[in-house]
Amino acid sequence: MSSVTTGKYEGFTAEERAAMKDHAREQKTAARRSSRADKAAEAVRDVLAKIAEMQDSDRLLAERVHAVITSSAPALAPKLWYGMPAYALDGKIVCYFQSAEKFKARYATLGFSDQANLDQDTMWPTTFALTQLTPAVEAHISTLTKQAVR
């Protein structure tokens, strides 16, 4: 039974604990880097290395998402966030890519934080399932990313 049905808190999953450890390690690594330029360059290398470690299907999606986001919104700075490729504006996460493998999900996701300017009326999507990137999907990601940093 799940904690929802039993009413008992069963703690974090192994994947959630690993993500928290990743985040603590990322914070320590960032604090040790010297100059702002070094931090930015190293952060990009960290993101690309994390993407390279992914399984083929997630890696291919992440590589394209990274390319679309960095070309559509150059103001966003790539960095790791809980072990995931993420993109920040003024140090605050705007969007991130979560591989399917990371939390044993059926699909990868592209998510946007509350820092993203995606507000529409009283309800709007902030996380999108990704199974493949077609030209139309890439165009949609580009549009969302540009809107997010307006």
N, C-alpha and C. Protein backbone atom coordinates (compact mmCIF):
# COMPACT_ATOMS: atom_id res chain seq x y z
N MET A 1 0.84 -1.19 0.00
CA MET A 1 0.00 0.00 0.00
C MET A 1 0.88 1.25 0.00
N SER A 2 0.41 2.28 -0.60
CA SER A 2 1.14 3.54 -0.62
C SER A 2 0.85 4.33 0.65
N SER A 3 1.68 5.36 0.88
CA SER A 3 1.47 6.21 2.06
C SER A 3 0.15 6.97 1.97
N VAL A 4 -0.36 7.17 0.73
CA VAL A 4 -1.64 7.86 0.57
C VAL A 4 -2.77 7.00 1.12
N THR A 5 -2.72 5.70 0.83
CA THR A 5 -3.81 4.84 1.28
C THR A 5 -3.68 4.46 2.75
N THR A 6 -2.45 4.36 3.26
CA THR A 6 -2.27 3.97 4.67
C THR A 6 -2.27 5.17 5.60
N GLY A 7 -2.02 6.35 5.06
CA GLY A 7 -1.96 7.54 5.90
C GLY A 7 -0.64 7.67 6.64
N LYS A 8 0.31 6.76 6.40
CA LYS A 8 1.61 6.81 7.06
C LYS A 8 2.65 7.43 6.13
N TYR A 9 3.54 8.20 6.70
CA TYR A 9 4.65 8.75 5.93
C TYR A 9 5.73 7.69 5.84
N GLU A 10 6.11 7.33 4.63
CA GLU A 10 7.10 6.28 4.44
C GLU A 10 8.47 6.82 4.07
N GLY A 11 8.66 8.12 4.10
CA GLY A 11 9.97 8.69 3.81
C GLY A 11 10.19 8.92 2.32
N PHE A 12 11.37 9.43 2.03
CA PHE A 12 11.72 9.73 0.65
C PHE A 12 12.12 8.44 -0.08
N THR A 13 11.88 8.42 -1.37
CA THR A 13 12.32 7.29 -2.18
C THR A 13 13.83 7.37 -2.35
N ALA A 14 14.43 6.29 -2.79
CA ALA A 14 15.87 6.28 -3.04
C ALA A 14 16.23 7.32 -4.10
N GLU A 15 15.36 7.49 -5.10
CA GLU A 15 15.62 8.47 -6.15
C GLU A 15 15.55 9.90 -5.60
N GLU A 16 14.60 10.15 -4.71
CA GLU A 16 14.49 11.49 -4.10
C GLU A 16 15.70 11.78 -3.22
N ARG A 17 16.14 10.79 -2.44
CA ARG A 17 17.34 10.99 -1.60
C ARG A 17 18.57 11.25 -2.47
N ALA A 18 18.69 10.52 -3.57
CA ALA A 18 19.82 10.74 -4.49
C ALA A 18 19.78 12.14 -5.08
N ALA A 19 18.60 12.62 -5.44
CA ALA A 19 18.47 13.98 -5.98
C ALA A 19 18.89 15.02 -4.95
N MET A 20 18.50 14.81 -3.70
CA MET A 20 18.89 15.76 -2.64
C MET A 20 20.40 15.75 -2.42
N LYS A 21 21.01 14.57 -2.48
CA LYS A 21 22.47 14.48 -2.35
C LYS A 21 23.15 15.18 -3.53
N ASP A 22 22.59 14.99 -4.73
CA ASP A 22 23.12 15.70 -5.91
C ASP A 22 23.08 17.20 -5.69
N HIS A 23 21.96 17.69 -5.17
CA HIS A 23 21.80 19.12 -4.97
C HIS A 23 22.82 19.65 -3.94
N ALA A 24 23.02 18.94 -2.87
CA ALA A 24 24.01 19.36 -1.86
C ALA A 24 25.41 19.39 -2.48
N ARG A 25 25.74 18.38 -3.28
CA ARG A 25 27.05 18.32 -3.93
C ARG A 25 27.19 19.48 -4.92
N GLU A 26 26.12 19.79 -5.66
CA GLU A 26 26.16 20.90 -6.62
C GLU A 26 26.42 22.22 -5.91
N GLN A 27 25.76 22.43 -4.77
CA GLN A 27 25.94 23.67 -4.00
C GLN A 27 27.38 23.80 -3.50
N LYS A 28 27.96 22.71 -3.00
CA LYS A 28 29.34 22.74 -2.51
C LYS A 28 30.31 23.02 -3.65
N THR A 29 30.08 22.38 -4.79
CA THR A 29 30.95 22.58 -5.95
C THR A 29 30.88 24.02 -6.42
N ALA A 30 29.70 24.58 -6.52
CA ALA A 30 29.54 25.97 -6.97
C ALA A 30 30.21 26.94 -6.01
N ALA A 31 30.13 26.68 -4.73
CA ALA A 31 30.74 27.56 -3.73
C ALA A 31 32.27 27.55 -3.83
N ARG A 32 32.85 26.44 -4.27
CA ARG A 32 34.31 26.33 -4.36
C ARG A 32 34.88 27.01 -5.60
N ARG A 33 34.06 27.23 -6.60
CA ARG A 33 34.57 27.84 -7.83
C ARG A 33 34.88 29.30 -7.58
N SER A 34 35.96 29.77 -8.20
CA SER A 34 36.46 31.11 -7.89
C SER A 34 35.70 32.24 -8.59
N SER A 35 35.99 32.50 -9.83
CA SER A 35 35.40 33.66 -10.49
C SER A 35 34.03 33.34 -11.09
N ARG A 36 33.29 34.38 -11.38
CA ARG A 36 31.96 34.23 -11.98
C ARG A 36 32.05 33.55 -13.34
N ALA A 37 33.07 33.91 -14.13
CA ALA A 37 33.26 33.30 -15.45
C ALA A 37 33.58 31.82 -15.30
N ASP A 38 34.43 31.49 -14.32
CA ASP A 38 34.76 30.08 -14.07
C ASP A 38 33.50 29.31 -13.68
N LYS A 39 32.69 29.91 -12.82
CA LYS A 39 31.46 29.24 -12.37
C LYS A 39 30.53 28.95 -13.55
N ALA A 40 30.37 29.93 -14.43
CA ALA A 40 29.47 29.76 -15.58
C ALA A 40 30.00 28.70 -16.53
N ALA A 41 31.28 28.75 -16.84
CA ALA A 41 31.86 27.77 -17.76
C ALA A 41 31.82 26.37 -17.17
N GLU A 42 32.14 26.24 -15.90
CA GLU A 42 32.09 24.94 -15.24
C GLU A 42 30.66 24.41 -15.16
N ALA A 43 29.70 25.30 -14.92
CA ALA A 43 28.30 24.89 -14.83
C ALA A 43 27.83 24.31 -16.17
N VAL A 44 28.23 24.94 -17.27
CA VAL A 44 27.88 24.43 -18.59
C VAL A 44 28.50 23.05 -18.79
N ARG A 45 29.77 22.90 -18.42
CA ARG A 45 30.44 21.60 -18.55
C ARG A 45 29.74 20.54 -17.69
N ASP A 46 29.32 20.93 -16.48
CA ASP A 46 28.61 20.01 -15.60
C ASP A 46 27.31 19.52 -16.24
N VAL A 47 26.56 20.45 -16.84
CA VAL A 47 25.29 20.10 -17.49
C VAL A 47 25.55 19.16 -18.66
N LEU A 48 26.52 19.48 -19.49
CA LEU A 48 26.82 18.64 -20.64
C LEU A 48 27.31 17.25 -20.21
N ALA A 49 28.08 17.19 -19.14
CA ALA A 49 28.53 15.90 -18.61
C ALA A 49 27.36 15.08 -18.08
N LYS A 50 26.43 15.74 -17.38
CA LYS A 50 25.25 15.04 -16.86
C LYS A 50 24.41 14.50 -18.01
N ILE A 51 24.25 15.30 -19.06
CA ILE A 51 23.50 14.85 -20.23
C ILE A 51 24.19 13.64 -20.87
N ALA A 52 25.50 13.69 -20.98
CA ALA A 52 26.27 12.60 -21.59
C ALA A 52 26.13 11.30 -20.81
N GLU A 53 25.87 11.37 -19.51
CA GLU A 53 25.70 10.17 -18.67
C GLU A 53 24.35 9.50 -18.85
N MET A 54 23.38 10.19 -19.44
CA MET A 54 22.02 9.66 -19.54
C MET A 54 21.94 8.50 -20.52
N GLN A 55 20.91 7.67 -20.34
CA GLN A 55 20.63 6.60 -21.29
C GLN A 55 20.28 7.22 -22.63
N ASP A 56 20.46 6.44 -23.69
CA ASP A 56 20.31 6.96 -25.05
C ASP A 56 19.06 7.79 -25.30
N SER A 57 17.88 7.27 -24.96
CA SER A 57 16.65 8.00 -25.28
C SER A 57 16.59 9.33 -24.52
N ASP A 58 16.93 9.31 -23.24
CA ASP A 58 16.93 10.55 -22.46
C ASP A 58 18.03 11.50 -22.93
N ARG A 59 19.19 10.95 -23.24
CA ARG A 59 20.32 11.78 -23.67
C ARG A 59 19.98 12.52 -24.96
N LEU A 60 19.38 11.83 -25.92
CA LEU A 60 19.04 12.48 -27.18
C LEU A 60 18.04 13.61 -26.97
N LEU A 61 17.04 13.37 -26.13
CA LEU A 61 16.07 14.43 -25.81
C LEU A 61 16.76 15.60 -25.11
N ALA A 62 17.58 15.29 -24.11
CA ALA A 62 18.24 16.33 -23.32
C ALA A 62 19.18 17.18 -24.17
N GLU A 63 19.90 16.54 -25.09
CA GLU A 63 20.80 17.29 -25.97
C GLU A 63 20.02 18.30 -26.81
N ARG A 64 18.90 17.87 -27.38
CA ARG A 64 18.10 18.78 -28.21
C ARG A 64 17.43 19.86 -27.36
N VAL A 65 16.90 19.49 -26.20
CA VAL A 65 16.28 20.48 -25.31
C VAL A 65 17.32 21.53 -24.94
N HIS A 66 18.52 21.08 -24.58
CA HIS A 66 19.61 22.01 -24.22
C HIS A 66 19.90 22.96 -25.38
N ALA A 67 20.01 22.42 -26.58
CA ALA A 67 20.30 23.26 -27.75
C ALA A 67 19.19 24.26 -28.01
N VAL A 68 17.95 23.82 -27.92
CA VAL A 68 16.82 24.73 -28.16
C VAL A 68 16.77 25.83 -27.10
N ILE A 69 16.91 25.45 -25.85
CA ILE A 69 16.83 26.46 -24.77
C ILE A 69 17.97 27.46 -24.86
N THR A 70 19.19 26.98 -25.03
CA THR A 70 20.32 27.91 -25.05
C THR A 70 20.32 28.82 -26.27
N SER A 71 19.76 28.34 -27.40
CA SER A 71 19.69 29.22 -28.57
C SER A 71 18.49 30.16 -28.50
N SER A 72 17.40 29.73 -27.89
CA SER A 72 16.18 30.55 -27.81
C SER A 72 16.26 31.62 -26.73
N ALA A 73 16.94 31.30 -25.65
CA ALA A 73 17.02 32.22 -24.51
C ALA A 73 18.45 32.25 -23.97
N PRO A 74 19.35 32.94 -24.69
CA PRO A 74 20.76 32.97 -24.27
C PRO A 74 20.99 33.59 -22.89
N ALA A 75 20.00 34.30 -22.37
CA ALA A 75 20.13 34.88 -21.02
C ALA A 75 20.07 33.81 -19.94
N LEU A 76 19.53 32.64 -20.28
CA LEU A 76 19.44 31.55 -19.30
C LEU A 76 20.80 30.86 -19.17
N ALA A 77 21.23 30.68 -17.93
CA ALA A 77 22.51 30.05 -17.65
C ALA A 77 22.31 28.58 -17.28
N PRO A 78 22.91 27.67 -18.04
CA PRO A 78 22.80 26.26 -17.69
C PRO A 78 23.48 25.97 -16.36
N LYS A 79 22.86 25.10 -15.57
CA LYS A 79 23.45 24.66 -14.31
C LYS A 79 22.74 23.38 -13.88
N LEU A 80 23.36 22.64 -12.99
CA LEU A 80 22.70 21.45 -12.46
C LEU A 80 21.79 21.85 -11.31
N TRP A 81 20.67 21.15 -11.20
CA TRP A 81 19.70 21.40 -10.15
C TRP A 81 19.13 20.05 -9.75
N TYR A 82 19.45 19.60 -8.56
CA TYR A 82 19.05 18.28 -8.09
C TYR A 82 19.47 17.19 -9.07
N GLY A 83 20.65 17.37 -9.66
CA GLY A 83 21.19 16.40 -10.59
C GLY A 83 20.57 16.43 -11.97
N MET A 84 19.81 17.48 -12.27
CA MET A 84 19.15 17.61 -13.57
C MET A 84 19.68 18.84 -14.30
N PRO A 85 19.74 18.79 -15.62
CA PRO A 85 20.07 20.01 -16.37
C PRO A 85 18.97 21.05 -16.13
N ALA A 86 19.40 22.25 -15.80
CA ALA A 86 18.44 23.32 -15.53
C ALA A 86 19.00 24.61 -16.12
N TYR A 87 18.15 25.62 -16.18
CA TYR A 87 18.51 26.88 -16.81
C TYR A 87 18.00 28.01 -15.93
N ALA A 88 18.92 28.90 -15.55
CA ALA A 88 18.60 29.92 -14.55
C ALA A 88 18.75 31.32 -15.12
N LEU A 89 18.00 32.22 -14.54
CA LEU A 89 18.10 33.64 -14.84
C LEU A 89 18.37 34.34 -13.52
N ASP A 90 19.47 35.07 -13.46
CA ASP A 90 19.88 35.75 -12.22
C ASP A 90 19.96 34.77 -11.05
N GLY A 91 20.46 33.56 -11.33
CA GLY A 91 20.65 32.56 -10.29
C GLY A 91 19.42 31.77 -9.90
N LYS A 92 18.26 32.11 -10.47
CA LYS A 92 17.02 31.41 -10.11
C LYS A 92 16.58 30.50 -11.26
N ILE A 93 16.27 29.26 -10.92
CA ILE A 93 15.88 28.27 -11.93
C ILE A 93 14.59 28.71 -12.62
N VAL A 94 14.62 28.70 -13.95
CA VAL A 94 13.45 29.03 -14.77
C VAL A 94 12.86 27.75 -15.36
N CYS A 95 13.74 26.86 -15.85
CA CYS A 95 13.25 25.61 -16.42
C CYS A 95 14.29 24.51 -16.22
N TYR A 96 13.84 23.27 -16.40
CA TYR A 96 14.73 22.12 -16.18
C TYR A 96 14.27 20.94 -17.02
N PHE A 97 15.21 20.03 -17.26
CA PHE A 97 14.91 18.78 -17.96
C PHE A 97 15.08 17.65 -16.96
N GLN A 98 14.07 16.80 -16.86
CA GLN A 98 14.14 15.64 -15.97
C GLN A 98 14.06 14.38 -16.83
N SER A 99 15.10 13.58 -16.77
CA SER A 99 15.11 12.34 -17.55
C SER A 99 14.09 11.36 -17.00
N ALA A 100 13.60 10.50 -17.85
CA ALA A 100 12.65 9.47 -17.41
C ALA A 100 13.33 8.54 -16.43
N GLU A 101 14.58 8.26 -16.68
CA GLU A 101 15.34 7.33 -15.83
C GLU A 101 15.49 7.83 -14.39
N LYS A 102 15.63 9.13 -14.21
CA LYS A 102 15.93 9.67 -12.89
C LYS A 102 14.94 9.24 -11.82
N PHE A 103 13.66 9.29 -12.13
CA PHE A 103 12.64 8.90 -11.15
C PHE A 103 11.82 7.71 -11.65
N LYS A 104 12.42 6.95 -12.57
CA LYS A 104 11.78 5.75 -13.12
C LYS A 104 10.38 6.05 -13.67
N ALA A 105 10.31 7.10 -14.46
CA ALA A 105 9.04 7.54 -15.05
C ALA A 105 8.89 6.98 -16.47
N ARG A 106 7.70 7.08 -17.00
CA ARG A 106 7.44 6.62 -18.36
C ARG A 106 8.02 7.55 -19.40
N TYR A 107 8.22 8.82 -19.05
CA TYR A 107 8.68 9.80 -20.02
C TYR A 107 9.52 10.87 -19.33
N ALA A 108 10.34 11.54 -20.13
CA ALA A 108 11.12 12.67 -19.65
C ALA A 108 10.18 13.88 -19.55
N THR A 109 10.59 14.87 -18.78
CA THR A 109 9.76 16.07 -18.67
C THR A 109 10.60 17.34 -18.82
N LEU A 110 9.95 18.36 -19.31
CA LEU A 110 10.48 19.71 -19.33
C LEU A 110 9.60 20.50 -18.38
N GLY A 111 10.19 21.05 -17.35
CA GLY A 111 9.41 21.79 -16.37
C GLY A 111 9.83 23.24 -16.27
N PHE A 112 8.90 24.07 -15.84
CA PHE A 112 9.14 25.50 -15.66
C PHE A 112 8.79 25.85 -14.22
N SER A 113 9.63 26.64 -13.58
CA SER A 113 9.39 27.05 -12.20
C SER A 113 8.46 28.27 -12.16
N ASP A 114 8.17 28.72 -10.96
CA ASP A 114 7.34 29.92 -10.82
C ASP A 114 8.09 31.18 -11.24
N GLN A 115 9.38 31.06 -11.54
CA GLN A 115 10.16 32.20 -12.05
C GLN A 115 9.87 32.45 -13.53
N ALA A 116 9.33 31.46 -14.20
CA ALA A 116 9.02 31.58 -15.64
C ALA A 116 7.77 32.42 -15.83
N ASN A 117 7.82 33.30 -16.78
CA ASN A 117 6.68 34.18 -17.07
C ASN A 117 5.72 33.50 -18.04
N LEU A 118 5.08 32.44 -17.57
CA LEU A 118 4.15 31.69 -18.41
C LEU A 118 2.70 31.93 -18.02
N ASP A 119 2.47 32.84 -17.10
CA ASP A 119 1.13 33.07 -16.56
C ASP A 119 0.12 33.35 -17.67
N GLN A 120 -0.99 32.59 -17.61
CA GLN A 120 -2.11 32.78 -18.53
C GLN A 120 -3.39 32.57 -17.74
N ASP A 121 -4.17 33.60 -17.62
CA ASP A 121 -5.45 33.51 -16.94
C ASP A 121 -5.24 33.01 -15.50
N THR A 122 -5.99 32.01 -15.07
CA THR A 122 -5.88 31.54 -13.69
C THR A 122 -5.28 30.15 -13.58
N MET A 123 -4.96 29.51 -14.73
CA MET A 123 -4.36 28.18 -14.72
C MET A 123 -3.59 27.96 -16.01
N TRP A 124 -2.38 27.37 -15.91
CA TRP A 124 -1.57 27.10 -17.09
C TRP A 124 -0.63 25.94 -16.79
N PRO A 125 -0.17 25.23 -17.81
CA PRO A 125 0.75 24.11 -17.59
C PRO A 125 2.15 24.61 -17.27
N THR A 126 2.85 23.87 -16.43
CA THR A 126 4.24 24.20 -16.11
C THR A 126 5.18 23.03 -16.34
N THR A 127 4.65 21.84 -16.59
CA THR A 127 5.47 20.66 -16.86
C THR A 127 4.91 19.94 -18.07
N PHE A 128 5.83 19.52 -18.94
CA PHE A 128 5.43 18.89 -20.19
C PHE A 128 6.12 17.55 -20.35
N ALA A 129 5.38 16.52 -20.69
CA ALA A 129 5.94 15.21 -20.99
C ALA A 129 6.62 15.26 -22.35
N LEU A 130 7.79 14.62 -22.43
CA LEU A 130 8.52 14.57 -23.70
C LEU A 130 8.82 13.12 -24.05
N THR A 131 8.38 12.69 -25.21
CA THR A 131 8.72 11.35 -25.67
C THR A 131 9.60 11.40 -26.91
N GLN A 132 9.46 12.46 -27.68
CA GLN A 132 10.35 12.71 -28.81
C GLN A 132 10.26 14.18 -29.18
N LEU A 133 11.32 14.66 -29.84
CA LEU A 133 11.33 16.07 -30.23
C LEU A 133 11.18 16.18 -31.75
N THR A 134 10.03 16.60 -32.16
CA THR A 134 9.74 16.88 -33.56
C THR A 134 10.04 18.36 -33.78
N PRO A 135 10.09 18.81 -35.01
CA PRO A 135 10.26 20.25 -35.24
C PRO A 135 9.17 21.08 -34.56
N ALA A 136 7.95 20.59 -34.53
CA ALA A 136 6.85 21.33 -33.88
C ALA A 136 7.07 21.41 -32.37
N VAL A 137 7.54 20.32 -31.76
CA VAL A 137 7.81 20.32 -30.31
C VAL A 137 8.97 21.27 -30.01
N GLU A 138 10.01 21.24 -30.82
CA GLU A 138 11.14 22.14 -30.62
C GLU A 138 10.70 23.59 -30.74
N ALA A 139 9.83 23.89 -31.69
CA ALA A 139 9.31 25.26 -31.85
C ALA A 139 8.51 25.67 -30.62
N HIS A 140 7.74 24.74 -30.09
CA HIS A 140 6.94 25.03 -28.88
C HIS A 140 7.85 25.29 -27.68
N ILE A 141 8.90 24.49 -27.53
CA ILE A 141 9.87 24.70 -26.44
C ILE A 141 10.53 26.07 -26.61
N SER A 142 10.90 26.41 -27.82
CA SER A 142 11.52 27.70 -28.08
C SER A 142 10.59 28.85 -27.69
N THR A 143 9.33 28.74 -28.09
CA THR A 143 8.34 29.78 -27.77
C THR A 143 8.15 29.90 -26.25
N LEU A 144 8.01 28.76 -25.57
CA LEU A 144 7.83 28.78 -24.11
C LEU A 144 9.05 29.37 -23.41
N THR A 145 10.23 29.00 -23.87
CA THR A 145 11.47 29.49 -23.25
C THR A 145 11.60 31.00 -23.42
N LYS A 146 11.32 31.48 -24.61
CA LYS A 146 11.37 32.94 -24.84
C LYS A 146 10.36 33.66 -23.97
N GLN A 147 9.16 33.11 -23.88
CA GLN A 147 8.12 33.73 -23.03
C GLN A 147 8.53 33.68 -21.56
N ALA A 148 9.17 32.61 -21.16
CA ALA A 148 9.55 32.44 -19.75
C ALA A 148 10.50 33.51 -19.25
N VAL A 149 11.33 34.05 -20.14
CA VAL A 149 12.34 35.03 -19.72
C VAL A 149 11.95 36.47 -20.05
N ARG A 150 10.75 36.68 -20.57
CA ARG A 150 10.31 38.06 -20.88
C ARG A 150 10.17 38.88 -19.64
